[in-house]
């Protein structure tokens, strides 16, 4: 956990929140992105 910038492991909700965003109208202008849900490990 010390190596993860957010200092915690990922939860199911972390992925679900991104999926909900992508499925919503709020993401209508998002195109061709790679979204890493990793707590900042690949910054």
PDB file of N, CA and C in Angstrom:
ATOM      1  N   UNK A   1       0.799  -1.188   0.000  1.00  0.00           N
ATOM      2  CA  UNK A   1       0.000   0.000   0.000  1.00  0.00           C
ATOM      3  C   UNK A   1       0.855   1.271   0.000  1.00  0.00           C
ATOM      4  N   UNK A   2       2.052   1.172   0.534  1.00  0.00           N
ATOM      5  CA  UNK A   2       2.921   2.355   0.587  1.00  0.00           C
ATOM      6  C   UNK A   2       3.324   2.839  -0.798  1.00  0.00           C
ATOM      7  N   UNK A   3       3.319   1.951  -1.787  1.00  0.00           N
ATOM      8  CA  UNK A   3       3.711   2.326  -3.139  1.00  0.00           C
ATOM      9  C   UNK A   3       2.567   2.947  -3.933  1.00  0.00           C
ATOM     10  N   UNK A   4       1.340   2.811  -3.439  1.00  0.00           N
ATOM     11  CA  UNK A   4       0.175   3.379  -4.124  1.00  0.00           C
ATOM     12  C   UNK A   4       0.001   4.819  -3.637  1.00  0.00           C
ATOM     13  N   UNK A   5       0.028   5.811  -4.534  1.00  0.00           N
ATOM     14  CA  UNK A   5      -0.098   7.203  -4.111  1.00  0.00           C
ATOM     15  C   UNK A   5      -1.342   7.507  -3.269  1.00  0.00           C
ATOM     16  N   UNK A   6      -2.454   6.838  -3.515  1.00  0.00           N
ATOM     17  CA  UNK A   6      -3.658   7.092  -2.715  1.00  0.00           C
ATOM     18  C   UNK A   6      -3.666   6.319  -1.404  1.00  0.00           C
ATOM     19  N   UNK A   7      -2.665   5.488  -1.194  1.00  0.00           N
ATOM     20  CA  UNK A   7      -2.458   4.744   0.056  1.00  0.00           C
ATOM     21  C   UNK A   7      -3.607   3.815   0.444  1.00  0.00           C
ATOM     22  N   UNK A   8      -4.269   3.257  -0.578  1.00  0.00           N
ATOM     23  CA  UNK A   8      -5.313   2.263  -0.304  1.00  0.00           C
ATOM     24  C   UNK A   8      -5.489   1.392  -1.531  1.00  0.00           C
ATOM     25  N   UNK A   9      -6.010   0.224  -1.315  1.00  0.00           N
ATOM     26  CA  UNK A   9      -6.303  -0.662  -2.415  1.00  0.00           C
ATOM     27  C   UNK A   9      -7.586  -0.242  -3.120  1.00  0.00           C
ATOM     28  N   UNK A  10      -7.718  -0.651  -4.342  1.00  0.00           N
ATOM     29  CA  UNK A  10      -8.919  -0.328  -5.101  1.00  0.00           C
ATOM     30  C   UNK A  10     -10.116  -1.120  -4.620  1.00  0.00           C
ATOM     31  N   UNK A  11     -11.274  -0.515  -4.757  1.00  0.00           N
ATOM     32  CA  UNK A  11     -12.525  -1.143  -4.376  1.00  0.00           C
ATOM     33  C   UNK A  11     -13.396  -1.315  -5.614  1.00  0.00           C
ATOM     34  N   UNK A  12     -14.356  -2.196  -5.528  1.00  0.00           N
ATOM     35  CA  UNK A  12     -15.287  -2.411  -6.625  1.00  0.00           C
ATOM     36  C   UNK A  12     -15.958  -1.091  -7.003  1.00  0.00           C
ATOM     37  N   UNK A  13     -16.271  -0.272  -6.010  1.00  0.00           N
ATOM     38  CA  UNK A  13     -16.937   1.007  -6.251  1.00  0.00           C
ATOM     39  C   UNK A  13     -16.086   1.940  -7.096  1.00  0.00           C
ATOM     40  N   UNK A  14     -14.770   1.856  -6.994  1.00  0.00           N
ATOM     41  CA  UNK A  14     -13.887   2.707  -7.785  1.00  0.00           C
ATOM     42  C   UNK A  14     -14.083   2.449  -9.279  1.00  0.00           C
ATOM     43  N   UNK A  15     -14.197   1.202  -9.644  1.00  0.00           N
ATOM     44  CA  UNK A  15     -14.420   0.851 -11.047  1.00  0.00           C
ATOM     45  C   UNK A  15     -15.862   1.155 -11.442  1.00  0.00           C
ATOM     46  N   UNK A  16     -16.805   0.849 -10.558  1.00  0.00           N
ATOM     47  CA  UNK A  16     -18.218   1.105 -10.849  1.00  0.00           C
ATOM     48  C   UNK A  16     -18.475   2.587 -11.080  1.00  0.00           C
ATOM     49  N   UNK A  17     -17.809   3.459 -10.330  1.00  0.00           N
ATOM     50  CA  UNK A  17     -18.007   4.902 -10.502  1.00  0.00           C
ATOM     51  C   UNK A  17     -17.541   5.368 -11.873  1.00  0.00           C
ATOM     52  N   UNK A  18     -16.421   4.840 -12.348  1.00  0.00           N
ATOM     53  CA  UNK A  18     -15.938   5.214 -13.679  1.00  0.00           C
ATOM     54  C   UNK A  18     -16.885   4.671 -14.751  1.00  0.00           C
ATOM     55  N   UNK A  19     -17.354   3.454 -14.574  1.00  0.00           N
ATOM     56  CA  UNK A  19     -18.307   2.878 -15.535  1.00  0.00           C
ATOM     57  C   UNK A  19     -19.592   3.693 -15.579  1.00  0.00           C
ATOM     58  N   UNK A  20     -20.075   4.119 -14.419  1.00  0.00           N
ATOM     59  CA  UNK A  20     -21.286   4.939 -14.361  1.00  0.00           C
ATOM     60  C   UNK A  20     -21.071   6.266 -15.081  1.00  0.00           C
ATOM     61  N   UNK A  21     -19.923   6.886 -14.865  1.00  0.00           N
ATOM     62  CA  UNK A  21     -19.597   8.131 -15.557  1.00  0.00           C
ATOM     63  C   UNK A  21     -19.574   7.922 -17.063  1.00  0.00           C
ATOM     64  N   UNK A  22     -18.897   6.879 -17.524  1.00  0.00           N
ATOM     65  CA  UNK A  22     -18.777   6.635 -18.960  1.00  0.00           C
ATOM     66  C   UNK A  22     -20.124   6.312 -19.602  1.00  0.00           C
ATOM     67  N   UNK A  23     -21.022   5.717 -18.848  1.00  0.00           N
ATOM     68  CA  UNK A  23     -22.338   5.381 -19.374  1.00  0.00           C
ATOM     69  C   UNK A  23     -23.314   6.556 -19.318  1.00  0.00           C
ATOM     70  N   UNK A  24     -22.901   7.640 -18.669  1.00  0.00           N
ATOM     71  CA  UNK A  24     -23.794   8.784 -18.501  1.00  0.00           C
ATOM     72  C   UNK A  24     -23.571   9.837 -19.580  1.00  0.00           C
ATOM     73  N   UNK A  25     -24.477  10.804 -19.624  1.00  0.00           N
ATOM     74  CA  UNK A  25     -24.336  11.924 -20.552  1.00  0.00           C
ATOM     75  C   UNK A  25     -23.159  12.833 -20.188  1.00  0.00           C
ATOM     76  N   UNK A  26     -22.674  12.741 -18.956  1.00  0.00           N
ATOM     77  CA  UNK A  26     -21.537  13.578 -18.545  1.00  0.00           C
ATOM     78  C   UNK A  26     -20.273  13.255 -19.329  1.00  0.00           C
ATOM     79  N   UNK A  27     -20.204  12.078 -19.907  1.00  0.00           N
ATOM     80  CA  UNK A  27     -19.017  11.696 -20.672  1.00  0.00           C
ATOM     81  C   UNK A  27     -19.222  11.838 -22.175  1.00  0.00           C
ATOM     82  N   UNK A  28     -20.252  12.561 -22.601  1.00  0.00           N
ATOM     83  CA  UNK A  28     -20.596  12.630 -24.021  1.00  0.00           C
ATOM     84  C   UNK A  28     -19.520  13.281 -24.882  1.00  0.00           C
ATOM     85  N   UNK A  29     -18.611  14.034 -24.291  1.00  0.00           N
ATOM     86  CA  UNK A  29     -17.552  14.695 -25.064  1.00  0.00           C
ATOM     87  C   UNK A  29     -16.201  13.991 -24.894  1.00  0.00           C
ATOM     88  N   UNK A  30     -16.168  12.870 -24.222  1.00  0.00           N
ATOM     89  CA  UNK A  30     -14.954  12.085 -24.013  1.00  0.00           C
ATOM     90  C   UNK A  30     -14.785  11.133 -25.187  1.00  0.00           C
ATOM     91  N   UNK A  31     -13.600  11.148 -25.801  1.00  0.00           N
ATOM     92  CA  UNK A  31     -13.326  10.246 -26.925  1.00  0.00           C
ATOM     93  C   UNK A  31     -11.915   9.680 -26.810  1.00  0.00           C
ATOM     94  N   UNK A  32     -11.752   8.447 -27.182  1.00  0.00           N
ATOM     95  CA  UNK A  32     -10.444   7.820 -27.338  1.00  0.00           C
ATOM     96  C   UNK A  32      -9.496   7.925 -26.165  1.00  0.00           C
ATOM     97  N   UNK A  33      -9.977   7.681 -24.975  1.00  0.00           N
ATOM     98  CA  UNK A  33      -9.126   7.790 -23.796  1.00  0.00           C
ATOM     99  C   UNK A  33      -8.860   6.429 -23.177  1.00  0.00           C
ATOM    100  N   UNK A  34      -7.717   6.318 -22.528  1.00  0.00           N
ATOM    101  CA  UNK A  34      -7.420   5.167 -21.686  1.00  0.00           C
ATOM    102  C   UNK A  34      -7.519   5.680 -20.261  1.00  0.00           C
ATOM    103  N   UNK A  35      -8.444   5.146 -19.517  1.00  0.00           N
ATOM    104  CA  UNK A  35      -8.648   5.594 -18.141  1.00  0.00           C
ATOM    105  C   UNK A  35      -8.087   4.528 -17.214  1.00  0.00           C
ATOM    106  N   UNK A  36      -7.071   4.888 -16.482  1.00  0.00           N
ATOM    107  CA  UNK A  36      -6.436   3.950 -15.556  1.00  0.00           C
ATOM    108  C   UNK A  36      -7.059   4.143 -14.180  1.00  0.00           C
ATOM    109  N   UNK A  37      -7.581   3.063 -13.647  1.00  0.00           N
ATOM    110  CA  UNK A  37      -8.181   3.086 -12.325  1.00  0.00           C
ATOM    111  C   UNK A  37      -7.224   2.321 -11.418  1.00  0.00           C
ATOM    112  N   UNK A  38      -6.156   3.011 -11.009  1.00  0.00           N
ATOM    113  CA  UNK A  38      -5.084   2.316 -10.290  1.00  0.00           C
ATOM    114  C   UNK A  38      -4.530   3.090  -9.090  1.00  0.00           C
ATOM    115  N   UNK A  39      -5.262   4.080  -8.627  1.00  0.00           N
ATOM    116  CA  UNK A  39      -4.821   4.817  -7.439  1.00  0.00           C
ATOM    117  C   UNK A  39      -3.576   5.652  -7.657  1.00  0.00           C
ATOM    118  N   UNK A  40      -3.205   5.868  -8.893  1.00  0.00           N
ATOM    119  CA  UNK A  40      -2.035   6.693  -9.198  1.00  0.00           C
ATOM    120  C   UNK A  40      -0.748   5.912  -9.414  1.00  0.00           C
ATOM    121  N   UNK A  41      -0.834   4.600  -9.513  1.00  0.00           N
ATOM    122  CA  UNK A  41       0.369   3.772  -9.670  1.00  0.00           C
ATOM    123  C   UNK A  41       1.132   4.079 -10.960  1.00  0.00           C
ATOM    124  N   UNK A  42       0.457   4.503 -12.018  1.00  0.00           N
ATOM    125  CA  UNK A  42       1.114   4.730 -13.305  1.00  0.00           C
ATOM    126  C   UNK A  42       1.165   6.202 -13.672  1.00  0.00           C
ATOM    127  N   UNK A  43       1.479   7.031 -12.735  1.00  0.00           N
ATOM    128  CA  UNK A  43       1.558   8.468 -13.008  1.00  0.00           C
ATOM    129  C   UNK A  43       2.882   8.798 -13.650  1.00  0.00           C
TER     130      UNK A  43
END
